[in-house]
Structure formats: C-alpha cells, structure tokens
C-alpha cells in the first residue's frame, strides 16, 4: 500500500515594506527645500537680533558677608551655665539658636522686604520704571503707569489704580532683583541685587545688609530689655537670697546682650567684600539669544520641509492599502 502523500501547503510570508532610512533621499528633500530653510533661519536670526537689542542692560551688584561674632560666641560658657537657671525663671538666653540662619530667612521674608521697600521709597523704581538715564543719573518712568510730574499713579480702563500692592512689590523684588546664596564650604553669604541702574543695584545691596543688621539688633535688644524688666519684677517679688542671686546673674547676662548689640555696627553679617557700582552687565546675553534663535529657526525649517514632503508623499500614494486578515 502506497503511502498517501500529504500536499505541503505553502505559507505565504507577509510583505513588509522597507523601513530603512534612505539618507540620499532625505538629503534630496532638504536640498529641494534649501531656500525655505535659509529664509526661515534668517528670519529667526533677525528676530533674535532685534529681541536682543530691544532688551535693556541689567546690572548686578553683590555684597559678600560672613557671620559676625555675636553675643553667643563672646559670652562663651555663660549661656550654658545660666541656661538651667533661665529656664526656671521662664526665660531663654537664646544660646542654641542659629542667628545667622534666622537673619538669612528674615532677609528674604515678606515682612522685611515690604518694610525695606517703603523705608527707602522703592515703589516707583520697582513698579513704574522703564529705563535708566545714565547721562542724567535718574529713572525714566513708564508714563502709562505713573506720572512723574503730578506724582500720581494712573488708572486702567476699569478705573482701577495701577499702583502695585505690597504683594506685587514683594513678588517683583524677589523674582527680578534679590538673590541670596550661601557657600556651604566656608559659610560666606552673597547678597546680590539686579537692576536696570548700576547705581541702584549697588545702593540696594548695601541697604539690605545694613537693614538686616539693624533689624536683628533691634529685635534682640527689645527681647533683652523685656527680659530685664521681667527679671526685675521677679526680683522685687522674692526675698530668698539664692533666687535673688539667680536673678542678678540673669539680669547681668541680658544687660550684656544689650551692650554688645548696641556696640556692634555689623551685628549679624560682617562685610567681607563691599558692593561696588557694576560696570559690566549680566543680562541679557545677546550672543546666546541670537545663536539660540538661529538654531531654533533651522530646526523648525527642517521639520517643516519633512512635513511638507510627507504630505506630498501621502497624496501621491492615494488611498491607504487594505490590510489582509
């Protein structure tokens, strides 16, 4: 009996189009659209040059400060010796607090910046300035916001005053002007201020250091004087000799705090490198703006060429082929 032969069914392999990228074809597409690439790139380059020239110069002045020796370091072990006694009396000598870290945070706080702006009359330079007249050494204000002759803020179409609120002023000062950085290796702190005016940048940076020293000194003096007043009241209420001695020592400690605070001009931050009027701008980086805009124009033009070629290829192929199941 002959063995029945089973026909071998030929399995058809599906056809896959060639997905390899033809570099010659891509180069041909780019060569056909070379004039479009050149035109778009030059257009973006010209726009970058115009934008770079339109942006005004911004100057930055910096003050390098170091933590000053305050009463905690000068009193040495006195705070540790009297710490337990002060806790019994309901007081704190503050020896364990990091005064420099607190001052750094206060410097950037909303309350301090608001007080700083109003104390030095910086509302108009922050919110209404247009440019800095270097020849006359004065601000040029935006007359659509502020009228320097009448010293009045204008109103918008709805009748609302264009004078900024304290919230707006603090936001402007933090984002556009103030910068505080600390060197973790040596603890040095750099207080930097940016402004359209090099003179203003130097003045504001100096004022910031002076004001934070005065603020922290005034705060410590007020706390020490309040503690002295409290201790004197407790001293008059007790007749125990031992407690009287404790109160005398605490009063002496707080009195020394007041004396040292008033004697130190640079109370928290000691100036290492003072601020000077900058002669070179820090912004804008005009060359970088032009280079980036030119590259962006070239990339967009190449992308546009490929999109146009893909659209033309899709139209020439007609309807998409059906997929056999």
C-alpha atoms as a PDB file:
ATOM      1  CA  UNK A   1       0.000   0.000   0.000  1.00  0.00           C
ATOM      2  CA  UNK A   2       1.431   3.223  -1.123  1.00  0.00           C
ATOM      3  CA  UNK A   3       1.841   5.887   1.388  1.00  0.00           C
ATOM      4  CA  UNK A   4      -0.531   8.770   0.745  1.00  0.00           C
ATOM      5  CA  UNK A   5       1.343  11.935   0.128  1.00  0.00           C
ATOM      6  CA  UNK A   6       0.138  14.962   2.006  1.00  0.00           C
ATOM      7  CA  UNK A   7       0.483  18.112  -0.024  1.00  0.00           C
ATOM      8  CA  UNK A   8       2.637  20.661   1.622  1.00  0.00           C
ATOM      9  CA  UNK A   9       0.766  23.933   1.922  1.00  0.00           C
ATOM     10  CA  UNK A  10       2.884  26.863   1.012  1.00  0.00           C
ATOM     11  CA  UNK A  11       2.758  29.516   3.659  1.00  0.00           C
ATOM     12  CA  UNK A  12       2.828  32.964   2.212  1.00  0.00           C
ATOM     13  CA  UNK A  13       5.033  35.339   4.047  1.00  0.00           C
ATOM     14  CA  UNK A  14       3.574  38.775   4.562  1.00  0.00           C
ATOM     15  CA  UNK A  15       5.289  41.560   2.776  1.00  0.00           C
ATOM     16  CA  UNK A  16       6.807  44.266   4.850  1.00  0.00           C
ATOM     17  CA  UNK A  17       7.887  47.464   3.207  1.00  0.00           C
ATOM     18  CA  UNK A  18      11.452  48.542   3.550  1.00  0.00           C
ATOM     19  CA  UNK A  19      11.661  50.714   6.661  1.00  0.00           C
ATOM     20  CA  UNK A  20      15.275  51.644   6.217  1.00  0.00           C
ATOM     21  CA  UNK A  21      16.029  55.340   6.003  1.00  0.00           C
ATOM     22  CA  UNK A  22      17.440  56.432   2.692  1.00  0.00           C
ATOM     23  CA  UNK A  23      19.919  59.159   3.557  1.00  0.00           C
ATOM     24  CA  UNK A  24      20.261  60.127  -0.084  1.00  0.00           C
ATOM     25  CA  UNK A  25      16.529  60.675  -0.326  1.00  0.00           C
ATOM     26  CA  UNK A  26      16.499  62.730   2.890  1.00  0.00           C
ATOM     27  CA  UNK A  27      19.352  64.852   1.629  1.00  0.00           C
ATOM     28  CA  UNK A  28      17.491  65.347  -1.647  1.00  0.00           C
ATOM     29  CA  UNK A  29      14.411  66.539   0.219  1.00  0.00           C
ATOM     30  CA  UNK A  30      16.492  69.010   2.207  1.00  0.00           C
ATOM     31  CA  UNK A  31      18.247  70.203  -0.934  1.00  0.00           C
ATOM     32  CA  UNK A  32      14.939  70.853  -2.661  1.00  0.00           C
ATOM     33  CA  UNK A  33      13.798  72.987   0.252  1.00  0.00           C
ATOM     34  CA  UNK A  34      17.133  74.700   0.848  1.00  0.00           C
ATOM     35  CA  UNK A  35      15.780  78.170   0.091  1.00  0.00           C
ATOM     36  CA  UNK A  36      12.937  77.729   2.555  1.00  0.00           C
ATOM     37  CA  UNK A  37      15.435  76.608   5.213  1.00  0.00           C
ATOM     38  CA  UNK A  38      17.651  79.615   4.543  1.00  0.00           C
ATOM     39  CA  UNK A  39      14.707  82.024   4.590  1.00  0.00           C
ATOM     40  CA  UNK A  40      13.207  80.719   7.849  1.00  0.00           C
ATOM     41  CA  UNK A  41      16.603  80.533   9.558  1.00  0.00           C
ATOM     42  CA  UNK A  42      17.487  84.086   8.585  1.00  0.00           C
ATOM     43  CA  UNK A  43      14.053  85.271   9.687  1.00  0.00           C
ATOM     44  CA  UNK A  44      14.539  83.752  13.132  1.00  0.00           C
ATOM     45  CA  UNK A  45      18.093  85.102  13.308  1.00  0.00           C
ATOM     46  CA  UNK A  46      16.865  88.613  12.502  1.00  0.00           C
ATOM     47  CA  UNK A  47      14.129  88.284  15.112  1.00  0.00           C
ATOM     48  CA  UNK A  48      16.711  87.140  17.652  1.00  0.00           C
ATOM     49  CA  UNK A  49      18.945  90.111  16.907  1.00  0.00           C
ATOM     50  CA  UNK A  50      16.002  92.518  17.222  1.00  0.00           C
ATOM     51  CA  UNK A  51      14.915  90.980  20.521  1.00  0.00           C
ATOM     52  CA  UNK A  52      18.461  91.019  21.894  1.00  0.00           C
ATOM     53  CA  UNK A  53      18.889  94.687  21.017  1.00  0.00           C
ATOM     54  CA  UNK A  54      15.467  95.539  22.447  1.00  0.00           C
ATOM     55  CA  UNK A  55      16.236  94.066  25.870  1.00  0.00           C
ATOM     56  CA  UNK A  56      17.803  96.657  28.208  1.00  0.00           C
ATOM     57  CA  UNK A  57      21.036  96.077  30.092  1.00  0.00           C
ATOM     58  CA  UNK A  58      20.682  94.665  33.591  1.00  0.00           C
ATOM     59  CA  UNK A  59      23.430  95.135  36.172  1.00  0.00           C
ATOM     60  CA  UNK A  60      24.143  93.158  39.319  1.00  0.00           C
ATOM     61  CA  UNK A  61      25.907  94.261  42.485  1.00  0.00           C
ATOM     62  CA  UNK A  62      26.857  91.838  45.261  1.00  0.00           C
ATOM     63  CA  UNK A  63      27.937  92.083  48.875  1.00  0.00           C
ATOM     64  CA  UNK A  64      29.922  89.212  50.363  1.00  0.00           C
ATOM     65  CA  UNK A  65      29.258  88.874  54.089  1.00  0.00           C
ATOM     66  CA  UNK A  66      30.289  86.491  56.838  1.00  0.00           C
ATOM     67  CA  UNK A  67      28.529  85.634  60.106  1.00  0.00           C
ATOM     68  CA  UNK A  68      29.610  88.223  62.657  1.00  0.00           C
ATOM     69  CA  UNK A  69      30.603  87.242  66.193  1.00  0.00           C
ATOM     70  CA  UNK A  70      27.535  87.914  68.279  1.00  0.00           C
ATOM     71  CA  UNK A  71      26.896  87.734  71.972  1.00  0.00           C
ATOM     72  CA  UNK A  72      26.610  83.934  71.915  1.00  0.00           C
ATOM     73  CA  UNK A  73      30.239  83.438  70.943  1.00  0.00           C
ATOM     74  CA  UNK A  74      31.519  86.219  73.191  1.00  0.00           C
ATOM     75  CA  UNK A  75      29.681  85.051  76.260  1.00  0.00           C
ATOM     76  CA  UNK A  76      31.088  81.575  75.759  1.00  0.00           C
ATOM     77  CA  UNK A  77      30.043  79.223  78.502  1.00  0.00           C
ATOM     78  CA  UNK A  78      27.940  81.778  80.319  1.00  0.00           C
ATOM     79  CA  UNK A  79      24.867  80.800  78.333  1.00  0.00           C
ATOM     80  CA  UNK A  80      25.351  77.149  79.224  1.00  0.00           C
ATOM     81  CA  UNK A  81      25.888  77.909  82.896  1.00  0.00           C
ATOM     82  CA  UNK A  82      22.821  80.078  83.154  1.00  0.00           C
ATOM     83  CA  UNK A  83      20.632  78.087  80.814  1.00  0.00           C
ATOM     84  CA  UNK A  84      19.124  75.959  83.553  1.00  0.00           C
ATOM     85  CA  UNK A  85      18.577  78.962  85.802  1.00  0.00           C
ATOM     86  CA  UNK A  86      16.935  80.900  82.978  1.00  0.00           C
ATOM     87  CA  UNK A  87      14.566  78.007  82.293  1.00  0.00           C
ATOM     88  CA  UNK A  88      13.489  78.055  85.928  1.00  0.00           C
ATOM     89  CA  UNK A  89      12.728  81.738  85.616  1.00  0.00           C
ATOM     90  CA  UNK A  90      10.753  81.167  82.424  1.00  0.00           C
ATOM     91  CA  UNK A  91      13.337  82.747  80.102  1.00  0.00           C
ATOM     92  CA  UNK A  92      15.575  81.614  77.269  1.00  0.00           C
ATOM     93  CA  UNK A  93      19.032  83.036  76.661  1.00  0.00           C
ATOM     94  CA  UNK A  94      18.879  82.004  73.014  1.00  0.00           C
ATOM     95  CA  UNK A  95      22.328  80.441  73.020  1.00  0.00           C
ATOM     96  CA  UNK A  96      21.232  77.470  70.946  1.00  0.00           C
ATOM     97  CA  UNK A  97      19.680  79.457  68.103  1.00  0.00           C
ATOM     98  CA  UNK A  98      21.462  79.932  64.799  1.00  0.00           C
ATOM     99  CA  UNK A  99      21.189  83.668  64.467  1.00  0.00           C
ATOM    100  CA  UNK A 100      22.814  83.739  61.027  1.00  0.00           C
ATOM    101  CA  UNK A 101      20.305  81.267  59.589  1.00  0.00           C
ATOM    102  CA  UNK A 102      17.430  83.237  61.086  1.00  0.00           C
ATOM    103  CA  UNK A 103      18.783  86.504  59.668  1.00  0.00           C
ATOM    104  CA  UNK A 104      19.132  84.933  56.226  1.00  0.00           C
ATOM    105  CA  UNK A 105      15.494  83.846  56.239  1.00  0.00           C
ATOM    106  CA  UNK A 106      14.338  87.206  57.614  1.00  0.00           C
ATOM    107  CA  UNK A 107      16.228  88.930  54.793  1.00  0.00           C
ATOM    108  CA  UNK A 108      14.023  87.129  52.264  1.00  0.00           C
ATOM    109  CA  UNK A 109      10.808  87.318  54.281  1.00  0.00           C
ATOM    110  CA  UNK A 110       7.738  89.170  53.058  1.00  0.00           C
ATOM    111  CA  UNK A 111       7.518  91.439  56.095  1.00  0.00           C
ATOM    112  CA  UNK A 112      11.166  92.559  55.916  1.00  0.00           C
ATOM    113  CA  UNK A 113      11.097  93.171  52.142  1.00  0.00           C
ATOM    114  CA  UNK A 114       7.857  95.161  52.412  1.00  0.00           C
ATOM    115  CA  UNK A 115       9.339  97.340  55.136  1.00  0.00           C
ATOM    116  CA  UNK A 116      12.579  97.700  53.145  1.00  0.00           C
ATOM    117  CA  UNK A 117      10.738  98.866  50.012  1.00  0.00           C
ATOM    118  CA  UNK A 118       8.687 101.502  51.815  1.00  0.00           C
ATOM    119  CA  UNK A 119      11.561 102.693  54.017  1.00  0.00           C
ATOM    120  CA  UNK A 120      13.735 103.501  51.012  1.00  0.00           C
ATOM    121  CA  UNK A 121      10.865 104.607  48.732  1.00  0.00           C
ATOM    122  CA  UNK A 122      11.409 101.919  46.097  1.00  0.00           C
ATOM    123  CA  UNK A 123       7.798 101.534  44.983  1.00  0.00           C
ATOM    124  CA  UNK A 124       8.190 103.632  41.831  1.00  0.00           C
ATOM    125  CA  UNK A 125      11.618 102.238  40.771  1.00  0.00           C
ATOM    126  CA  UNK A 126      10.262  98.712  41.131  1.00  0.00           C
ATOM    127  CA  UNK A 127       6.831  99.029  39.515  1.00  0.00           C
ATOM    128  CA  UNK A 128       6.923 102.040  37.188  1.00  0.00           C
ATOM    129  CA  UNK A 129      10.448 102.163  35.793  1.00  0.00           C
ATOM    130  CA  UNK A 130      11.029 101.935  32.057  1.00  0.00           C
ATOM    131  CA  UNK A 131      14.773 102.515  31.813  1.00  0.00           C
ATOM    132  CA  UNK A 132      17.726 104.243  33.437  1.00  0.00           C
ATOM    133  CA  UNK A 133      19.039 107.536  32.063  1.00  0.00           C
ATOM    134  CA  UNK A 134      22.777 107.127  32.586  1.00  0.00           C
ATOM    135  CA  UNK A 135      23.644 110.641  31.420  1.00  0.00           C
ATOM    136  CA  UNK A 136      21.327 112.332  33.940  1.00  0.00           C
ATOM    137  CA  UNK A 137      21.549 109.622  36.572  1.00  0.00           C
ATOM    138  CA  UNK A 138      17.805 109.236  37.043  1.00  0.00           C
ATOM    139  CA  UNK A 139      14.944 106.873  36.332  1.00  0.00           C
ATOM    140  CA  UNK A 140      12.799 107.067  33.232  1.00  0.00           C
ATOM    141  CA  UNK A 141       9.267 106.083  34.220  1.00  0.00           C
ATOM    142  CA  UNK A 142       6.568 104.455  32.140  1.00  0.00           C
ATOM    143  CA  UNK A 143       4.040 107.260  31.671  1.00  0.00           C
ATOM    144  CA  UNK A 144       1.273 104.762  31.033  1.00  0.00           C
ATOM    145  CA  UNK A 145       1.642 103.663  34.657  1.00  0.00           C
ATOM    146  CA  UNK A 146       2.989 106.647  36.596  1.00  0.00           C
ATOM    147  CA  UNK A 147       3.101 110.395  36.006  1.00  0.00           C
ATOM    148  CA  UNK A 148       6.336 111.813  37.482  1.00  0.00           C
ATOM    149  CA  UNK A 149       5.166 115.436  37.162  1.00  0.00           C
ATOM    150  CA  UNK A 150       1.995 115.030  39.213  1.00  0.00           C
ATOM    151  CA  UNK A 151       3.421 112.078  41.163  1.00  0.00           C
ATOM    152  CA  UNK A 152       0.220 110.154  40.601  1.00  0.00           C
ATOM    153  CA  UNK A 153      -0.447 106.586  39.560  1.00  0.00           C
ATOM    154  CA  UNK A 154      -2.672 106.228  36.521  1.00  0.00           C
ATOM    155  CA  UNK A 155      -5.790 104.075  36.287  1.00  0.00           C
ATOM    156  CA  UNK A 156      -6.728 101.336  33.857  1.00  0.00           C
ATOM    157  CA  UNK A 157      -9.806 101.099  31.650  1.00  0.00           C
ATOM    158  CA  UNK A 158     -11.891  99.804  34.542  1.00  0.00           C
ATOM    159  CA  UNK A 159     -10.919 102.695  36.775  1.00  0.00           C
ATOM    160  CA  UNK A 160      -8.582 100.687  38.996  1.00  0.00           C
ATOM    161  CA  UNK A 161      -5.354 102.288  40.147  1.00  0.00           C
ATOM    162  CA  UNK A 162      -2.152 100.890  38.635  1.00  0.00           C
ATOM    163  CA  UNK A 163      -0.301 101.380  41.907  1.00  0.00           C
ATOM    164  CA  UNK A 164       1.000  97.955  42.943  1.00  0.00           C
ATOM    165  CA  UNK A 165       0.097  96.294  46.199  1.00  0.00           C
ATOM    166  CA  UNK A 166       2.652  95.149  48.746  1.00  0.00           C
ATOM    167  CA  UNK A 167       2.140  91.603  47.489  1.00  0.00           C
ATOM    168  CA  UNK A 168       3.072  92.654  43.943  1.00  0.00           C
ATOM    169  CA  UNK A 169       6.095  94.619  45.136  1.00  0.00           C
ATOM    170  CA  UNK A 170       7.499  91.725  47.143  1.00  0.00           C
ATOM    171  CA  UNK A 171       6.971  89.365  44.197  1.00  0.00           C
ATOM    172  CA  UNK A 172       8.771  91.738  41.824  1.00  0.00           C
ATOM    173  CA  UNK A 173      11.668  92.259  44.217  1.00  0.00           C
ATOM    174  CA  UNK A 174      12.123  88.547  44.924  1.00  0.00           C
ATOM    175  CA  UNK A 175      11.864  87.331  41.343  1.00  0.00           C
ATOM    176  CA  UNK A 176      13.595  90.119  39.423  1.00  0.00           C
ATOM    177  CA  UNK A 177      16.059  91.723  41.831  1.00  0.00           C
ATOM    178  CA  UNK A 178      17.064  89.870  45.010  1.00  0.00           C
ATOM    179  CA  UNK A 179      19.336  86.840  45.159  1.00  0.00           C
ATOM    180  CA  UNK A 180      20.837  85.329  48.334  1.00  0.00           C
ATOM    181  CA  UNK A 181      23.284  82.423  48.131  1.00  0.00           C
ATOM    182  CA  UNK A 182      25.461  80.696  50.701  1.00  0.00           C
ATOM    183  CA  UNK A 183      28.765  78.917  50.251  1.00  0.00           C
ATOM    184  CA  UNK A 184      28.363  75.650  52.132  1.00  0.00           C
ATOM    185  CA  UNK A 185      32.130  75.183  52.429  1.00  0.00           C
ATOM    186  CA  UNK A 186      33.001  78.364  54.330  1.00  0.00           C
ATOM    187  CA  UNK A 187      29.610  79.789  55.322  1.00  0.00           C
ATOM    188  CA  UNK A 188      30.043  83.002  53.320  1.00  0.00           C
ATOM    189  CA  UNK A 189      26.813  84.597  52.130  1.00  0.00           C
ATOM    190  CA  UNK A 190      26.422  86.623  48.950  1.00  0.00           C
ATOM    191  CA  UNK A 191      23.604  89.179  48.773  1.00  0.00           C
ATOM    192  CA  UNK A 192      23.064  90.228  45.156  1.00  0.00           C
ATOM    193  CA  UNK A 193      20.702  92.750  43.605  1.00  0.00           C
ATOM    194  CA  UNK A 194      19.876  93.183  39.915  1.00  0.00           C
ATOM    195  CA  UNK A 195      18.620  96.428  38.454  1.00  0.00           C
ATOM    196  CA  UNK A 196      18.467  98.471  35.268  1.00  0.00           C
ATOM    197  CA  UNK A 197      20.565 101.033  37.134  1.00  0.00           C
ATOM    198  CA  UNK A 198      24.090 100.065  38.238  1.00  0.00           C
ATOM    199  CA  UNK A 199      23.938 102.752  40.922  1.00  0.00           C
ATOM    200  CA  UNK A 200      20.657 101.408  42.299  1.00  0.00           C
ATOM    201  CA  UNK A 201      21.983  97.839  42.320  1.00  0.00           C
ATOM    202  CA  UNK A 202      24.937  98.932  44.462  1.00  0.00           C
ATOM    203  CA  UNK A 203      22.824 101.052  46.823  1.00  0.00           C
ATOM    204  CA  UNK A 204      20.109  98.454  47.339  1.00  0.00           C
ATOM    205  CA  UNK A 205      22.586  95.683  48.134  1.00  0.00           C
ATOM    206  CA  UNK A 206      24.283  97.867  50.746  1.00  0.00           C
ATOM    207  CA  UNK A 207      20.965  98.914  52.240  1.00  0.00           C
ATOM    208  CA  UNK A 208      19.879  95.294  52.560  1.00  0.00           C
ATOM    209  CA  UNK A 209      22.909  94.359  54.660  1.00  0.00           C
ATOM    210  CA  UNK A 210      22.607  97.473  56.815  1.00  0.00           C
ATOM    211  CA  UNK A 211      18.882  96.994  57.370  1.00  0.00           C
ATOM    212  CA  UNK A 212      19.092  93.311  58.285  1.00  0.00           C
ATOM    213  CA  UNK A 213      21.816  94.096  60.836  1.00  0.00           C
ATOM    214  CA  UNK A 214      19.698  96.888  62.319  1.00  0.00           C
ATOM    215  CA  UNK A 215      16.598  94.702  62.303  1.00  0.00           C
ATOM    216  CA  UNK A 216      18.247  91.797  64.124  1.00  0.00           C
ATOM    217  CA  UNK A 217      19.974  94.143  66.589  1.00  0.00           C
ATOM    218  CA  UNK A 218      16.742  95.970  67.375  1.00  0.00           C
ATOM    219  CA  UNK A 219      14.894  92.686  67.809  1.00  0.00           C
ATOM    220  CA  UNK A 220      17.481  91.262  70.221  1.00  0.00           C
ATOM    221  CA  UNK A 221      17.664  94.491  72.206  1.00  0.00           C
ATOM    222  CA  UNK A 222      13.879  94.611  72.584  1.00  0.00           C
ATOM    223  CA  UNK A 223      13.792  90.989  73.734  1.00  0.00           C
ATOM    224  CA  UNK A 224      16.658  91.539  76.188  1.00  0.00           C
ATOM    225  CA  UNK A 225      15.083  94.687  77.626  1.00  0.00           C
ATOM    226  CA  UNK A 226      11.762  92.891  78.039  1.00  0.00           C
ATOM    227  CA  UNK A 227      13.589  90.079  79.842  1.00  0.00           C
ATOM    228  CA  UNK A 228      15.364  92.565  82.120  1.00  0.00           C
ATOM    229  CA  UNK A 229      12.068  94.199  83.024  1.00  0.00           C
ATOM    230  CA  UNK A 230      10.526  90.812  83.798  1.00  0.00           C
ATOM    231  CA  UNK A 231      13.513  89.729  85.897  1.00  0.00           C
ATOM    232  CA  UNK A 232      13.475  92.947  87.892  1.00  0.00           C
ATOM    233  CA  UNK A 233       9.810  92.424  88.692  1.00  0.00           C
ATOM    234  CA  UNK A 234      10.521  88.865  89.855  1.00  0.00           C
ATOM    235  CA  UNK A 235      13.498  90.112  91.856  1.00  0.00           C
ATOM    236  CA  UNK A 236      11.297  92.545  93.764  1.00  0.00           C
ATOM    237  CA  UNK A 237       8.762  89.801  94.480  1.00  0.00           C
ATOM    238  CA  UNK A 238      11.180  87.347  96.109  1.00  0.00           C
ATOM    239  CA  UNK A 239      13.059  87.604  99.400  1.00  0.00           C
ATOM    240  CA  UNK A 240      15.080  84.394  99.004  1.00  0.00           C
ATOM    241  CA  UNK A 241      18.763  85.211  98.758  1.00  0.00           C
ATOM    242  CA  UNK A 242      19.529  82.289  96.445  1.00  0.00           C
ATOM    243  CA  UNK A 243      16.844  83.297  93.938  1.00  0.00           C
ATOM    244  CA  UNK A 244      17.907  86.918  94.111  1.00  0.00           C
ATOM    245  CA  UNK A 245      21.422  85.859  93.128  1.00  0.00           C
ATOM    246  CA  UNK A 246      20.000  83.931  90.186  1.00  0.00           C
ATOM    247  CA  UNK A 247      18.015  86.932  89.009  1.00  0.00           C
ATOM    248  CA  UNK A 248      21.034  89.197  89.327  1.00  0.00           C
ATOM    249  CA  UNK A 249      23.077  86.880  87.119  1.00  0.00           C
ATOM    250  CA  UNK A 250      20.318  86.682  84.521  1.00  0.00           C
ATOM    251  CA  UNK A 251      19.889  90.449  84.543  1.00  0.00           C
ATOM    252  CA  UNK A 252      23.634  90.819  84.063  1.00  0.00           C
ATOM    253  CA  UNK A 253      23.547  88.439  81.122  1.00  0.00           C
ATOM    254  CA  UNK A 254      20.689  90.279  79.411  1.00  0.00           C
ATOM    255  CA  UNK A 255      22.292  93.646  80.104  1.00  0.00           C
ATOM    256  CA  UNK A 256      25.481  92.434  78.457  1.00  0.00           C
ATOM    257  CA  UNK A 257      23.412  91.371  75.457  1.00  0.00           C
ATOM    258  CA  UNK A 258      22.050  94.911  75.122  1.00  0.00           C
ATOM    259  CA  UNK A 259      25.516  96.436  75.464  1.00  0.00           C
ATOM    260  CA  UNK A 260      27.112  94.154  72.867  1.00  0.00           C
ATOM    261  CA  UNK A 261      24.239  94.669  70.436  1.00  0.00           C
ATOM    262  CA  UNK A 262      24.478  98.448  70.642  1.00  0.00           C
ATOM    263  CA  UNK A 263      28.271  98.360  70.344  1.00  0.00           C
ATOM    264  CA  UNK A 264      28.328  96.297  67.127  1.00  0.00           C
ATOM    265  CA  UNK A 265      27.506  98.080  63.873  1.00  0.00           C
ATOM    266  CA  UNK A 266      27.674  94.845  61.874  1.00  0.00           C
ATOM    267  CA  UNK A 267      25.644  92.803  64.282  1.00  0.00           C
ATOM    268  CA  UNK A 268      24.805  89.635  62.324  1.00  0.00           C
ATOM    269  CA  UNK A 269      26.566  89.994  58.966  1.00  0.00           C
ATOM    270  CA  UNK A 270      30.095  91.342  58.695  1.00  0.00           C
ATOM    271  CA  UNK A 271      31.019  92.719  55.285  1.00  0.00           C
ATOM    272  CA  UNK A 272      33.950  90.896  53.691  1.00  0.00           C
ATOM    273  CA  UNK A 273      33.724  92.326  50.182  1.00  0.00           C
ATOM    274  CA  UNK A 274      31.627  95.512  49.895  1.00  0.00           C
ATOM    275  CA  UNK A 275      29.373  96.271  46.979  1.00  0.00           C
ATOM    276  CA  UNK A 276      30.621  98.453  44.127  1.00  0.00           C
ATOM    277  CA  UNK A 277      28.858 100.042  41.174  1.00  0.00           C
ATOM    278  CA  UNK A 278      28.998  97.408  38.403  1.00  0.00           C
ATOM    279  CA  UNK A 279      30.482  98.441  35.073  1.00  0.00           C
ATOM    280  CA  UNK A 280      29.508  95.337  33.109  1.00  0.00           C
ATOM    281  CA  UNK A 281      26.046  93.990  32.501  1.00  0.00           C
ATOM    282  CA  UNK A 282      24.987  90.486  33.495  1.00  0.00           C
ATOM    283  CA  UNK A 283      21.922  90.352  31.254  1.00  0.00           C
ATOM    284  CA  UNK A 284      20.866  89.959  28.530  1.00  0.00           C
ATOM    285  CA  UNK A 285      23.288  87.540  26.914  1.00  0.00           C
ATOM    286  CA  UNK A 286      22.715  88.854  23.418  1.00  0.00           C
ATOM    287  CA  UNK A 287      25.075  86.492  21.579  1.00  0.00           C
ATOM    288  CA  UNK A 288      23.399  83.486  23.184  1.00  0.00           C
ATOM    289  CA  UNK A 289      19.954  84.810  22.257  1.00  0.00           C
ATOM    290  CA  UNK A 290      20.955  85.174  18.605  1.00  0.00           C
ATOM    291  CA  UNK A 291      22.566  81.713  18.466  1.00  0.00           C
ATOM    292  CA  UNK A 292      19.563  80.004  20.074  1.00  0.00           C
ATOM    293  CA  UNK A 293      17.053  81.782  17.836  1.00  0.00           C
ATOM    294  CA  UNK A 294      19.083  80.878  14.727  1.00  0.00           C
ATOM    295  CA  UNK A 295      19.278  77.218  15.725  1.00  0.00           C
ATOM    296  CA  UNK A 296      15.574  77.198  16.504  1.00  0.00           C
ATOM    297  CA  UNK A 297      14.820  78.628  13.068  1.00  0.00           C
ATOM    298  CA  UNK A 298      16.963  75.998  11.379  1.00  0.00           C
ATOM    299  CA  UNK A 299      15.361  73.126  13.292  1.00  0.00           C
ATOM    300  CA  UNK A 300      11.822  74.358  12.628  1.00  0.00           C
ATOM    301  CA  UNK A 301      12.543  74.875   8.934  1.00  0.00           C
ATOM    302  CA  UNK A 302      13.922  71.332   8.554  1.00  0.00           C
ATOM    303  CA  UNK A 303      10.906  69.958  10.384  1.00  0.00           C
ATOM    304  CA  UNK A 304       8.618  71.941   8.088  1.00  0.00           C
ATOM    305  CA  UNK A 305      10.376  70.574   4.994  1.00  0.00           C
ATOM    306  CA  UNK A 306       9.902  66.974   6.153  1.00  0.00           C
ATOM    307  CA  UNK A 307       6.237  67.560   6.989  1.00  0.00           C
ATOM    308  CA  UNK A 308       5.608  69.017   3.533  1.00  0.00           C
ATOM    309  CA  UNK A 309       7.408  66.067   1.905  1.00  0.00           C
ATOM    310  CA  UNK A 310       5.350  63.595   3.943  1.00  0.00           C
ATOM    311  CA  UNK A 311       2.108  65.314   2.942  1.00  0.00           C
ATOM    312  CA  UNK A 312       3.079  65.233  -0.733  1.00  0.00           C
ATOM    313  CA  UNK A 313       4.019  61.555  -0.489  1.00  0.00           C
ATOM    314  CA  UNK A 314       0.709  60.708   1.155  1.00  0.00           C
ATOM    315  CA  UNK A 315      -1.255  62.455  -1.588  1.00  0.00           C
ATOM    316  CA  UNK A 316       0.713  60.737  -4.370  1.00  0.00           C
ATOM    317  CA  UNK A 317       0.149  57.258  -2.843  1.00  0.00           C
ATOM    318  CA  UNK A 318      -3.604  57.676  -2.986  1.00  0.00           C
ATOM    319  CA  UNK A 319      -5.844  55.727  -0.604  1.00  0.00           C
ATOM    320  CA  UNK A 320      -4.102  53.618   2.013  1.00  0.00           C
ATOM    321  CA  UNK A 321      -3.826  49.898   1.142  1.00  0.00           C
ATOM    322  CA  UNK A 322      -6.139  47.459   2.866  1.00  0.00           C
ATOM    323  CA  UNK A 323      -4.680  45.119   5.404  1.00  0.00           C
ATOM    324  CA  UNK A 324      -5.481  41.466   4.668  1.00  0.00           C
ATOM    325  CA  UNK A 325      -6.741  39.459   7.564  1.00  0.00           C
END
